[in-house]
PDB file of all heavy atoms in Angstrom:
ATOM      1  N   GLU A   1     -32.960  43.171 -55.296  1.00  0.00           N
ATOM      2  CA  GLU A   1     -31.656  43.675 -55.537  1.00  0.00           C
ATOM      3  C   GLU A   1     -30.986  43.208 -56.772  1.00  0.00           C
ATOM      4  O   GLU A   1     -29.905  43.814 -57.132  1.00  0.00           O
ATOM      5  CB  GLU A   1     -30.738  43.253 -54.323  1.00  0.00           C
ATOM      6  CG  GLU A   1     -30.459  41.827 -54.125  1.00  0.00           C
ATOM      7  CD  GLU A   1     -31.451  41.233 -53.226  1.00  0.00           C
ATOM      8  OE1 GLU A   1     -32.523  41.761 -52.936  1.00  0.00           O
ATOM      9  OE2 GLU A   1     -31.353  40.011 -52.779  1.00  0.00           O
ATOM     10  N   ASP A   2     -31.564  42.199 -57.328  1.00  0.00           N
ATOM     11  CA  ASP A   2     -30.999  41.756 -58.768  1.00  0.00           C
ATOM     12  C   ASP A   2     -31.694  42.347 -59.858  1.00  0.00           C
ATOM     13  O   ASP A   2     -31.460  41.933 -61.090  1.00  0.00           O
ATOM     14  CB  ASP A   2     -31.151  40.212 -58.770  1.00  0.00           C
ATOM     15  CG  ASP A   2     -30.065  39.609 -57.782  1.00  0.00           C
ATOM     16  OD1 ASP A   2     -29.045  40.219 -57.503  1.00  0.00           O
ATOM     17  OD2 ASP A   2     -30.400  38.577 -57.295  1.00  0.00           O
ATOM     18  N   ASP A   3     -32.751  43.268 -59.711  1.00  0.00           N
ATOM     19  CA  ASP A   3     -33.351  43.909 -60.753  1.00  0.00           C
ATOM     20  C   ASP A   3     -32.684  45.314 -61.139  1.00  0.00           C
ATOM     21  O   ASP A   3     -31.916  45.856 -60.366  1.00  0.00           O
ATOM     22  CB  ASP A   3     -34.868  44.308 -60.422  1.00  0.00           C
ATOM     23  CG  ASP A   3     -35.711  43.105 -60.245  1.00  0.00           C
ATOM     24  OD1 ASP A   3     -35.260  41.882 -60.743  1.00  0.00           O
ATOM     25  OD2 ASP A   3     -36.716  43.015 -59.582  1.00  0.00           O
ATOM     26  N   LEU A   4     -32.941  45.718 -62.293  1.00  0.00           N
ATOM     27  CA  LEU A   4     -32.382  47.074 -62.747  1.00  0.00           C
ATOM     28  C   LEU A   4     -33.332  48.116 -61.956  1.00  0.00           C
ATOM     29  O   LEU A   4     -34.476  48.017 -62.052  1.00  0.00           O
ATOM     30  CB  LEU A   4     -32.464  47.278 -64.198  1.00  0.00           C
ATOM     31  CG  LEU A   4     -31.343  46.681 -65.051  1.00  0.00           C
ATOM     32  CD1 LEU A   4     -31.540  46.836 -66.532  1.00  0.00           C
ATOM     33  CD2 LEU A   4     -29.837  47.267 -64.697  1.00  0.00           C
ATOM     34  N   PRO A   5     -32.649  49.154 -61.289  1.00  0.00           N
ATOM     35  CA  PRO A   5     -33.498  50.209 -60.761  1.00  0.00           C
ATOM     36  C   PRO A   5     -34.230  50.943 -61.829  1.00  0.00           C
ATOM     37  O   PRO A   5     -33.850  50.933 -63.064  1.00  0.00           O
ATOM     38  CB  PRO A   5     -32.552  51.041 -60.089  1.00  0.00           C
ATOM     39  CG  PRO A   5     -31.221  50.294 -59.969  1.00  0.00           C
ATOM     40  CD  PRO A   5     -31.290  49.327 -61.133  1.00  0.00           C
ATOM     41  N   PRO A   6     -35.349  51.614 -61.576  1.00  0.00           N
ATOM     42  CA  PRO A   6     -36.112  52.314 -62.609  1.00  0.00           C
ATOM     43  C   PRO A   6     -35.220  53.475 -63.050  1.00  0.00           C
ATOM     44  O   PRO A   6     -34.416  54.088 -62.313  1.00  0.00           O
ATOM     45  CB  PRO A   6     -37.325  52.881 -61.796  1.00  0.00           C
ATOM     46  CG  PRO A   6     -36.849  52.805 -60.467  1.00  0.00           C
ATOM     47  CD  PRO A   6     -36.019  51.697 -60.236  1.00  0.00           C
ATOM     48  N   ARG A   7     -35.341  53.781 -64.350  1.00  0.00           N
ATOM     49  CA  ARG A   7     -34.529  54.915 -64.904  1.00  0.00           C
ATOM     50  C   ARG A   7     -35.318  56.238 -64.747  1.00  0.00           C
ATOM     51  O   ARG A   7     -36.433  56.427 -65.232  1.00  0.00           O
ATOM     52  CB  ARG A   7     -34.402  54.701 -66.450  1.00  0.00           C
ATOM     53  CG  ARG A   7     -33.623  53.419 -66.865  1.00  0.00           C
ATOM     54  CD  ARG A   7     -32.280  53.290 -66.130  1.00  0.00           C
ATOM     55  NE  ARG A   7     -31.259  54.029 -66.842  1.00  0.00           N
ATOM     56  CZ  ARG A   7     -30.018  53.937 -66.561  1.00  0.00           C
ATOM     57  NH1 ARG A   7     -29.583  53.273 -65.556  1.00  0.00           N
ATOM     58  NH2 ARG A   7     -29.022  54.688 -67.118  1.00  0.00           N
ATOM     59  N   LEU A   8     -34.860  56.962 -63.764  1.00  0.00           N
ATOM     60  CA  LEU A   8     -35.630  58.155 -63.375  1.00  0.00           C
ATOM     61  C   LEU A   8     -34.940  59.423 -63.783  1.00  0.00           C
ATOM     62  O   LEU A   8     -33.750  59.446 -63.990  1.00  0.00           O
ATOM     63  CB  LEU A   8     -35.695  58.189 -61.822  1.00  0.00           C
ATOM     64  CG  LEU A   8     -36.388  56.929 -61.098  1.00  0.00           C
ATOM     65  CD1 LEU A   8     -36.204  56.923 -59.633  1.00  0.00           C
ATOM     66  CD2 LEU A   8     -37.858  56.922 -61.437  1.00  0.00           C
ATOM     67  N   ASP A   9     -35.718  60.478 -64.009  1.00  0.00           N
ATOM     68  CA  ASP A   9     -35.180  61.797 -64.348  1.00  0.00           C
ATOM     69  C   ASP A   9     -34.351  62.327 -63.170  1.00  0.00           C
ATOM     70  O   ASP A   9     -34.546  62.037 -62.089  1.00  0.00           O
ATOM     71  CB  ASP A   9     -36.341  62.800 -64.749  1.00  0.00           C
ATOM     72  CG  ASP A   9     -36.935  62.366 -66.041  1.00  0.00           C
ATOM     73  OD1 ASP A   9     -36.347  61.821 -66.932  1.00  0.00           O
ATOM     74  OD2 ASP A   9     -38.082  62.851 -66.225  1.00  0.00           O
ATOM     75  N   ALA A  10     -33.238  62.973 -63.557  1.00  0.00           N
ATOM     76  CA  ALA A  10     -32.446  63.611 -62.548  1.00  0.00           C
ATOM     77  C   ALA A  10     -31.893  64.970 -63.072  1.00  0.00           C
ATOM     78  O   ALA A  10     -31.523  65.185 -64.236  1.00  0.00           O
ATOM     79  CB  ALA A  10     -31.302  62.655 -62.151  1.00  0.00           C
ATOM     80  N   GLU A  11     -31.950  65.901 -62.206  1.00  0.00           N
ATOM     81  CA  GLU A  11     -31.217  67.201 -62.359  1.00  0.00           C
ATOM     82  C   GLU A  11     -30.060  67.353 -61.333  1.00  0.00           C
ATOM     83  O   GLU A  11     -30.204  67.101 -60.187  1.00  0.00           O
ATOM     84  CB  GLU A  11     -32.090  68.363 -62.260  1.00  0.00           C
ATOM     85  CG  GLU A  11     -33.212  68.476 -63.211  1.00  0.00           C
ATOM     86  CD  GLU A  11     -32.833  68.789 -64.633  1.00  0.00           C
ATOM     87  OE1 GLU A  11     -31.721  69.414 -64.801  1.00  0.00           O
ATOM     88  OE2 GLU A  11     -33.569  68.376 -65.580  1.00  0.00           O
ATOM     89  N   PHE A  12     -28.863  67.631 -61.965  1.00  0.00           N
ATOM     90  CA  PHE A  12     -27.679  67.612 -61.043  1.00  0.00           C
ATOM     91  C   PHE A  12     -27.315  68.974 -60.590  1.00  0.00           C
ATOM     92  O   PHE A  12     -27.553  69.979 -61.295  1.00  0.00           O
ATOM     93  CB  PHE A  12     -26.534  66.960 -61.766  1.00  0.00           C
ATOM     94  CG  PHE A  12     -26.846  65.461 -62.220  1.00  0.00           C
ATOM     95  CD1 PHE A  12     -27.395  65.183 -63.354  1.00  0.00           C
ATOM     96  CD2 PHE A  12     -26.623  64.504 -61.163  1.00  0.00           C
ATOM     97  CE1 PHE A  12     -27.601  63.898 -63.700  1.00  0.00           C
ATOM     98  CE2 PHE A  12     -26.784  63.174 -61.573  1.00  0.00           C
ATOM     99  CZ  PHE A  12     -27.388  62.880 -62.895  1.00  0.00           C
ATOM    100  N   ASP A  13     -26.806  69.037 -59.395  1.00  0.00           N
ATOM    101  CA  ASP A  13     -26.387  70.436 -58.763  1.00  0.00           C
ATOM    102  C   ASP A  13     -25.466  71.143 -59.658  1.00  0.00           C
ATOM    103  O   ASP A  13     -25.537  72.298 -59.902  1.00  0.00           O
ATOM    104  CB  ASP A  13     -25.932  70.228 -57.394  1.00  0.00           C
ATOM    105  CG  ASP A  13     -26.889  69.728 -56.326  1.00  0.00           C
ATOM    106  OD1 ASP A  13     -28.050  69.963 -56.559  1.00  0.00           O
ATOM    107  OD2 ASP A  13     -26.507  69.117 -55.325  1.00  0.00           O
ATOM    108  N   SER A  14     -24.499  70.379 -60.304  1.00  0.00           N
ATOM    109  CA  SER A  14     -23.654  70.946 -61.305  1.00  0.00           C
ATOM    110  C   SER A  14     -24.347  70.904 -62.596  1.00  0.00           C
ATOM    111  O   SER A  14     -24.760  69.908 -63.160  1.00  0.00           O
ATOM    112  CB  SER A  14     -22.357  70.107 -61.393  1.00  0.00           C
ATOM    113  OG  SER A  14     -21.619  70.507 -62.553  1.00  0.00           O
ATOM    114  N   LYS A  15     -24.370  72.065 -63.247  1.00  0.00           N
ATOM    115  CA  LYS A  15     -24.943  72.206 -64.601  1.00  0.00           C
ATOM    116  C   LYS A  15     -23.977  71.845 -65.653  1.00  0.00           C
ATOM    117  O   LYS A  15     -24.253  71.946 -66.799  1.00  0.00           O
ATOM    118  CB  LYS A  15     -25.483  73.672 -64.748  1.00  0.00           C
ATOM    119  CG  LYS A  15     -26.633  74.036 -63.967  1.00  0.00           C
ATOM    120  CD  LYS A  15     -27.878  73.043 -64.274  1.00  0.00           C
ATOM    121  CE  LYS A  15     -29.077  73.390 -63.337  1.00  0.00           C
ATOM    122  NZ  LYS A  15     -30.214  72.453 -63.499  1.00  0.00           N
ATOM    123  N   LYS A  16     -22.839  71.400 -65.215  1.00  0.00           N
ATOM    124  CA  LYS A  16     -21.815  70.962 -66.201  1.00  0.00           C
ATOM    125  C   LYS A  16     -21.725  69.373 -66.373  1.00  0.00           C
ATOM    126  O   LYS A  16     -21.287  68.959 -67.353  1.00  0.00           O
ATOM    127  CB  LYS A  16     -20.435  71.576 -65.779  1.00  0.00           C
ATOM    128  CG  LYS A  16     -20.436  73.112 -65.925  1.00  0.00           C
ATOM    129  CD  LYS A  16     -19.392  73.770 -65.108  1.00  0.00           C
ATOM    130  CE  LYS A  16     -19.685  73.633 -63.602  1.00  0.00           C
ATOM    131  NZ  LYS A  16     -20.790  74.402 -63.022  1.00  0.00           N
ATOM    132  N   THR A  17     -21.899  68.730 -65.223  1.00  0.00           N
ATOM    133  CA  THR A  17     -21.570  67.269 -65.123  1.00  0.00           C
ATOM    134  C   THR A  17     -22.903  66.473 -64.831  1.00  0.00           C
ATOM    135  O   THR A  17     -23.605  66.830 -63.844  1.00  0.00           O
ATOM    136  CB  THR A  17     -20.629  66.968 -64.075  1.00  0.00           C
ATOM    137  OG1 THR A  17     -19.315  67.646 -64.369  1.00  0.00           O
ATOM    138  CG2 THR A  17     -20.307  65.420 -64.099  1.00  0.00           C
ATOM    139  N   ALA A  18     -23.276  65.586 -65.688  1.00  0.00           N
ATOM    140  CA  ALA A  18     -24.305  64.621 -65.530  1.00  0.00           C
ATOM    141  C   ALA A  18     -23.790  63.185 -65.424  1.00  0.00           C
ATOM    142  O   ALA A  18     -22.832  62.894 -66.090  1.00  0.00           O
ATOM    143  CB  ALA A  18     -25.407  64.736 -66.566  1.00  0.00           C
ATOM    144  N   SER A  19     -24.346  62.403 -64.540  1.00  0.00           N
ATOM    145  CA  SER A  19     -23.879  61.138 -64.409  1.00  0.00           C
ATOM    146  C   SER A  19     -25.026  60.094 -64.813  1.00  0.00           C
ATOM    147  O   SER A  19     -26.221  60.297 -64.717  1.00  0.00           O
ATOM    148  CB  SER A  19     -23.345  60.713 -62.972  1.00  0.00           C
ATOM    149  OG  SER A  19     -24.495  60.911 -62.043  1.00  0.00           O
ATOM    150  N   ILE A  20     -24.557  58.902 -65.446  1.00  0.00           N
ATOM    151  CA  ILE A  20     -25.423  57.877 -65.904  1.00  0.00           C
ATOM    152  C   ILE A  20     -24.846  56.496 -65.495  1.00  0.00           C
ATOM    153  O   ILE A  20     -23.836  56.116 -65.961  1.00  0.00           O
ATOM    154  CB  ILE A  20     -25.522  57.954 -67.439  1.00  0.00           C
ATOM    155  CG1 ILE A  20     -25.982  59.305 -67.908  1.00  0.00           C
ATOM    156  CG2 ILE A  20     -26.375  56.850 -68.008  1.00  0.00           C
ATOM    157  CD1 ILE A  20     -25.918  59.449 -69.429  1.00  0.00           C
ATOM    158  N   PRO A  21     -25.629  55.829 -64.668  1.00  0.00           N
ATOM    159  CA  PRO A  21     -25.203  54.399 -64.361  1.00  0.00           C
ATOM    160  C   PRO A  21     -25.404  53.514 -65.557  1.00  0.00           C
ATOM    161  O   PRO A  21     -26.388  53.660 -66.244  1.00  0.00           O
ATOM    162  CB  PRO A  21     -26.233  54.025 -63.331  1.00  0.00           C
ATOM    163  CG  PRO A  21     -26.773  55.276 -62.791  1.00  0.00           C
ATOM    164  CD  PRO A  21     -26.813  56.238 -63.908  1.00  0.00           C
ATOM    165  N   ILE A  22     -24.388  52.819 -65.899  1.00  0.00           N
ATOM    166  CA  ILE A  22     -24.404  51.888 -67.050  1.00  0.00           C
ATOM    167  C   ILE A  22     -24.541  50.449 -66.637  1.00  0.00           C
ATOM    168  O   ILE A  22     -24.880  49.561 -67.425  1.00  0.00           O
ATOM    169  CB  ILE A  22     -23.277  52.108 -68.078  1.00  0.00           C
ATOM    170  CG1 ILE A  22     -21.912  51.749 -67.496  1.00  0.00           C
ATOM    171  CG2 ILE A  22     -23.315  53.550 -68.559  1.00  0.00           C
ATOM    172  CD1 ILE A  22     -20.812  51.709 -68.500  1.00  0.00           C
ATOM    173  N   THR A  23     -23.969  50.148 -65.379  1.00  0.00           N
ATOM    174  CA  THR A  23     -24.118  48.810 -64.800  1.00  0.00           C
ATOM    175  C   THR A  23     -24.462  48.955 -63.303  1.00  0.00           C
ATOM    176  O   THR A  23     -24.154  50.030 -62.661  1.00  0.00           O
ATOM    177  CB  THR A  23     -22.795  48.142 -64.875  1.00  0.00           C
ATOM    178  OG1 THR A  23     -21.779  48.507 -64.074  1.00  0.00           O
ATOM    179  CG2 THR A  23     -22.316  47.900 -66.425  1.00  0.00           C
ATOM    180  N   TYR A  24     -25.036  47.912 -62.774  1.00  0.00           N
ATOM    181  CA  TYR A  24     -25.320  47.828 -61.388  1.00  0.00           C
ATOM    182  C   TYR A  24     -24.800  46.563 -60.853  1.00  0.00           C
ATOM    183  O   TYR A  24     -24.767  45.599 -61.482  1.00  0.00           O
ATOM    184  CB  TYR A  24     -26.817  48.031 -61.035  1.00  0.00           C
ATOM    185  CG  TYR A  24     -27.482  49.206 -61.474  1.00  0.00           C
ATOM    186  CD1 TYR A  24     -28.078  49.370 -62.692  1.00  0.00           C
ATOM    187  CD2 TYR A  24     -27.580  50.327 -60.481  1.00  0.00           C
ATOM    188  CE1 TYR A  24     -28.699  50.574 -63.054  1.00  0.00           C
ATOM    189  CE2 TYR A  24     -28.103  51.494 -60.861  1.00  0.00           C
ATOM    190  CZ  TYR A  24     -28.701  51.685 -62.097  1.00  0.00           C
ATOM    191  OH  TYR A  24     -29.280  52.844 -62.496  1.00  0.00           O
ATOM    192  N   GLY A  25     -24.291  46.520 -59.580  1.00  0.00           N
ATOM    193  CA  GLY A  25     -23.842  45.321 -59.010  1.00  0.00           C
ATOM    194  C   GLY A  25     -22.437  44.913 -59.392  1.00  0.00           C
ATOM    195  O   GLY A  25     -21.758  45.654 -60.139  1.00  0.00           O
ATOM    196  N   CYS A  26     -21.936  43.776 -58.819  1.00  0.00           N
ATOM    197  CA  CYS A  26     -20.557  43.331 -59.131  1.00  0.00           C
ATOM    198  C   CYS A  26     -20.488  41.887 -58.982  1.00  0.00           C
ATOM    199  O   CYS A  26     -21.038  41.336 -58.035  1.00  0.00           O
ATOM    200  CB  CYS A  26     -19.601  44.095 -58.145  1.00  0.00           C
ATOM    201  SG  CYS A  26     -17.866  43.692 -58.424  1.00  0.00           S
ATOM    202  N   ASN A  27     -19.685  41.331 -59.834  1.00  0.00           N
ATOM    203  CA  ASN A  27     -19.432  39.758 -59.779  1.00  0.00           C
ATOM    204  C   ASN A  27     -18.002  39.494 -59.251  1.00  0.00           C
ATOM    205  O   ASN A  27     -17.647  38.288 -59.259  1.00  0.00           O
ATOM    206  CB  ASN A  27     -19.557  39.168 -61.204  1.00  0.00           C
ATOM    207  CG  ASN A  27     -21.117  39.245 -61.699  1.00  0.00           C
ATOM    208  OD1 ASN A  27     -21.981  39.463 -60.881  1.00  0.00           O
ATOM    209  ND2 ASN A  27     -21.282  38.958 -62.909  1.00  0.00           N
ATOM    210  N   ASN A  28     -17.280  40.406 -58.935  1.00  0.00           N
ATOM    211  CA  ASN A  28     -15.884  40.152 -58.648  1.00  0.00           C
ATOM    212  C   ASN A  28     -15.417  39.549 -57.175  1.00  0.00           C
ATOM    213  O   ASN A  28     -14.508  38.879 -57.100  1.00  0.00           O
ATOM    214  CB  ASN A  28     -14.967  41.429 -58.910  1.00  0.00           C
ATOM    215  CG  ASN A  28     -14.973  41.805 -60.368  1.00  0.00           C
ATOM    216  OD1 ASN A  28     -14.791  41.078 -61.240  1.00  0.00           O
ATOM    217  ND2 ASN A  28     -15.140  43.073 -60.604  1.00  0.00           N
ATOM    218  N   PHE A  29     -16.243  39.992 -56.300  1.00  0.00           N
ATOM    219  CA  PHE A  29     -16.034  39.413 -54.942  1.00  0.00           C
ATOM    220  C   PHE A  29     -14.579  39.577 -54.475  1.00  0.00           C
ATOM    221  O   PHE A  29     -13.976  38.657 -54.003  1.00  0.00           O
ATOM    222  CB  PHE A  29     -16.492  37.976 -54.772  1.00  0.00           C
ATOM    223  CG  PHE A  29     -18.022  37.826 -54.894  1.00  0.00           C
ATOM    224  CD1 PHE A  29     -18.553  37.604 -56.102  1.00  0.00           C
ATOM    225  CD2 PHE A  29     -18.804  37.917 -53.687  1.00  0.00           C
ATOM    226  CE1 PHE A  29     -19.968  37.394 -56.068  1.00  0.00           C
ATOM    227  CE2 PHE A  29     -20.148  37.812 -53.891  1.00  0.00           C
ATOM    228  CZ  PHE A  29     -20.871  37.578 -55.058  1.00  0.00           C
ATOM    229  N   CYS A  30     -14.113  40.893 -54.612  1.00  0.00           N
ATOM    230  CA  CYS A  30     -12.856  41.051 -53.918  1.00  0.00           C
ATOM    231  C   CYS A  30     -13.015  40.782 -52.420  1.00  0.00           C
ATOM    232  O   CYS A  30     -14.083  41.189 -51.918  1.00  0.00           O
ATOM    233  CB  CYS A  30     -12.416  42.533 -54.182  1.00  0.00           C
ATOM    234  SG  CYS A  30     -12.158  42.894 -55.950  1.00  0.00           S
ATOM    235  N   THR A  31     -12.067  40.278 -51.750  1.00  0.00           N
ATOM    236  CA  THR A  31     -12.271  39.724 -50.392  1.00  0.00           C
ATOM    237  C   THR A  31     -12.496  40.821 -49.405  1.00  0.00           C
ATOM    238  O   THR A  31     -12.892  40.537 -48.207  1.00  0.00           O
ATOM    239  CB  THR A  31     -11.044  38.797 -49.966  1.00  0.00           C
ATOM    240  OG1 THR A  31      -9.782  39.563 -50.060  1.00  0.00           O
ATOM    241  CG2 THR A  31     -10.990  37.603 -50.887  1.00  0.00           C
ATOM    242  N   TYR A  32     -12.034  42.062 -49.698  1.00  0.00           N
ATOM    243  CA  TYR A  32     -12.221  43.187 -48.733  1.00  0.00           C
ATOM    244  C   TYR A  32     -13.521  43.881 -48.940  1.00  0.00           C
ATOM    245  O   TYR A  32     -13.914  44.810 -48.174  1.00  0.00           O
ATOM    246  CB  TYR A  32     -11.117  44.203 -48.900  1.00  0.00           C
ATOM    247  CG  TYR A  32     -10.939  44.638 -50.305  1.00  0.00           C
ATOM    248  CD1 TYR A  32     -11.746  45.683 -50.840  1.00  0.00           C
ATOM    249  CD2 TYR A  32      -9.851  44.070 -51.036  1.00  0.00           C
ATOM    250  CE1 TYR A  32     -11.500  46.064 -52.155  1.00  0.00           C
ATOM    251  CE2 TYR A  32      -9.690  44.502 -52.407  1.00  0.00           C
ATOM    252  CZ  TYR A  32     -10.524  45.483 -52.924  1.00  0.00           C
ATOM    253  OH  TYR A  32     -10.311  45.835 -54.182  1.00  0.00           O
ATOM    254  N   CYS A  33     -14.338  43.599 -49.906  1.00  0.00           N
ATOM    255  CA  CYS A  33     -15.379  44.450 -50.430  1.00  0.00           C
ATOM    256  C   CYS A  33     -16.848  43.927 -50.125  1.00  0.00           C
ATOM    257  O   CYS A  33     -17.138  42.773 -50.416  1.00  0.00           O
ATOM    258  CB  CYS A  33     -15.191  44.752 -51.852  1.00  0.00           C
ATOM    259  SG  CYS A  33     -16.438  45.969 -52.646  1.00  0.00           S
ATOM    260  N   ILE A  34     -17.681  44.647 -49.657  1.00  0.00           N
ATOM    261  CA  ILE A  34     -19.061  44.322 -49.298  1.00  0.00           C
ATOM    262  C   ILE A  34     -20.018  44.609 -50.453  1.00  0.00           C
ATOM    263  O   ILE A  34     -21.122  44.141 -50.477  1.00  0.00           O
ATOM    264  CB  ILE A  34     -19.562  45.073 -48.018  1.00  0.00           C
ATOM    265  CG1 ILE A  34     -20.835  44.491 -47.434  1.00  0.00           C
ATOM    266  CG2 ILE A  34     -19.822  46.635 -48.379  1.00  0.00           C
ATOM    267  CD1 ILE A  34     -20.564  43.175 -46.827  1.00  0.00           C
ATOM    268  N   VAL A  35     -19.589  45.316 -51.484  1.00  0.00           N
ATOM    269  CA  VAL A  35     -20.515  45.781 -52.588  1.00  0.00           C
ATOM    270  C   VAL A  35     -21.318  44.650 -53.266  1.00  0.00           C
ATOM    271  O   VAL A  35     -22.506  44.724 -53.347  1.00  0.00           O
ATOM    272  CB  VAL A  35     -19.696  46.598 -53.644  1.00  0.00           C
ATOM    273  CG1 VAL A  35     -20.537  46.818 -54.916  1.00  0.00           C
ATOM    274  CG2 VAL A  35     -19.372  47.953 -53.076  1.00  0.00           C
ATOM    275  N   PRO A  36     -20.674  43.480 -53.581  1.00  0.00           N
ATOM    276  CA  PRO A  36     -21.575  42.463 -54.263  1.00  0.00           C
ATOM    277  C   PRO A  36     -22.687  41.959 -53.368  1.00  0.00           C
ATOM    278  O   PRO A  36     -23.731  41.486 -53.873  1.00  0.00           O
ATOM    279  CB  PRO A  36     -20.503  41.423 -54.533  1.00  0.00           C
ATOM    280  CG  PRO A  36     -19.240  42.010 -54.512  1.00  0.00           C
ATOM    281  CD  PRO A  36     -19.296  43.130 -53.526  1.00  0.00           C
ATOM    282  N   TYR A  37     -22.555  42.047 -52.068  1.00  0.00           N
ATOM    283  CA  TYR A  37     -23.462  41.560 -51.221  1.00  0.00           C
ATOM    284  C   TYR A  37     -24.740  42.681 -50.958  1.00  0.00           C
ATOM    285  O   TYR A  37     -25.761  42.147 -50.545  1.00  0.00           O
ATOM    286  CB  TYR A  37     -22.909  41.262 -49.802  1.00  0.00           C
ATOM    287  CG  TYR A  37     -21.803  40.310 -49.793  1.00  0.00           C
ATOM    288  CD1 TYR A  37     -20.421  40.718 -49.885  1.00  0.00           C
ATOM    289  CD2 TYR A  37     -21.977  38.889 -49.910  1.00  0.00           C
ATOM    290  CE1 TYR A  37     -19.361  39.690 -49.969  1.00  0.00           C
ATOM    291  CE2 TYR A  37     -20.902  38.017 -49.982  1.00  0.00           C
ATOM    292  CZ  TYR A  37     -19.568  38.510 -49.972  1.00  0.00           C
ATOM    293  OH  TYR A  37     -18.546  37.584 -50.153  1.00  0.00           O
ATOM    294  N   VAL A  38     -24.416  43.820 -51.290  1.00  0.00           N
ATOM    295  CA  VAL A  38     -25.408  44.832 -51.144  1.00  0.00           C
ATOM    296  C   VAL A  38     -26.030  45.448 -52.396  1.00  0.00           C
ATOM    297  O   VAL A  38     -27.140  45.933 -52.410  1.00  0.00           O
ATOM    298  CB  VAL A  38     -24.994  46.026 -50.286  1.00  0.00           C
ATOM    299  CG1 VAL A  38     -24.753  45.452 -48.710  1.00  0.00           C
ATOM    300  CG2 VAL A  38     -23.781  46.713 -50.687  1.00  0.00           C
ATOM    301  N   ARG A  39     -25.326  45.289 -53.445  1.00  0.00           N
ATOM    302  CA  ARG A  39     -25.796  45.760 -54.735  1.00  0.00           C
ATOM    303  C   ARG A  39     -26.058  44.634 -55.850  1.00  0.00           C
ATOM    304  O   ARG A  39     -26.526  44.888 -56.835  1.00  0.00           O
ATOM    305  CB  ARG A  39     -24.776  46.770 -55.408  1.00  0.00           C
ATOM    306  CG  ARG A  39     -24.805  48.110 -54.685  1.00  0.00           C
ATOM    307  CD  ARG A  39     -24.118  49.204 -55.477  1.00  0.00           C
ATOM    308  NE  ARG A  39     -24.291  50.593 -54.822  1.00  0.00           N
ATOM    309  CZ  ARG A  39     -25.282  51.422 -55.197  1.00  0.00           C
ATOM    310  NH1 ARG A  39     -26.235  51.113 -56.108  1.00  0.00           N
ATOM    311  NH2 ARG A  39     -25.258  52.485 -54.594  1.00  0.00           N
ATOM    312  N   GLY A  40     -25.805  43.461 -55.328  1.00  0.00           N
ATOM    313  CA  GLY A  40     -26.261  42.242 -56.203  1.00  0.00           C
ATOM    314  C   GLY A  40     -25.288  42.035 -57.315  1.00  0.00           C
ATOM    315  O   GLY A  40     -24.186  42.591 -57.413  1.00  0.00           O
ATOM    316  N   ARG A  41     -25.658  41.135 -58.255  1.00  0.00           N
ATOM    317  CA  ARG A  41     -24.852  40.763 -59.304  1.00  0.00           C
ATOM    318  C   ARG A  41     -24.790  41.820 -60.413  1.00  0.00           C
ATOM    319  O   ARG A  41     -25.692  42.689 -60.450  1.00  0.00           O
ATOM    320  CB  ARG A  41     -25.256  39.357 -59.926  1.00  0.00           C
ATOM    321  CG  ARG A  41     -25.384  38.200 -59.021  1.00  0.00           C
ATOM    322  CD  ARG A  41     -24.060  37.733 -58.517  1.00  0.00           C
ATOM    323  NE  ARG A  41     -23.550  38.649 -57.422  1.00  0.00           N
ATOM    324  CZ  ARG A  41     -23.873  38.643 -56.185  1.00  0.00           C
ATOM    325  NH1 ARG A  41     -24.880  37.904 -55.748  1.00  0.00           N
ATOM    326  NH2 ARG A  41     -23.314  39.557 -55.323  1.00  0.00           N
ATOM    327  N   GLU A  42     -23.910  41.677 -61.308  1.00  0.00           N
ATOM    328  CA  GLU A  42     -23.728  42.681 -62.453  1.00  0.00           C
ATOM    329  C   GLU A  42     -24.996  42.614 -63.283  1.00  0.00           C
ATOM    330  O   GLU A  42     -25.357  41.609 -63.844  1.00  0.00           O
ATOM    331  CB  GLU A  42     -22.450  42.437 -63.288  1.00  0.00           C
ATOM    332  CG  GLU A  42     -21.263  42.925 -62.610  1.00  0.00           C
ATOM    333  CD  GLU A  42     -20.034  42.527 -63.378  1.00  0.00           C
ATOM    334  OE1 GLU A  42     -20.130  42.144 -64.543  1.00  0.00           O
ATOM    335  OE2 GLU A  42     -18.861  42.920 -62.899  1.00  0.00           O
TER     336      GLU A  42
END
């Protein structure tokens, strides 16, 4: 979970919008949020 996922090709349903992850994970630990525990550190 602390590794970068592989950069894989993607074709999006919308031919107008493509998305690109630039970061994974989170270091903020907002007290209501589970994300840092499941997506790892930034």
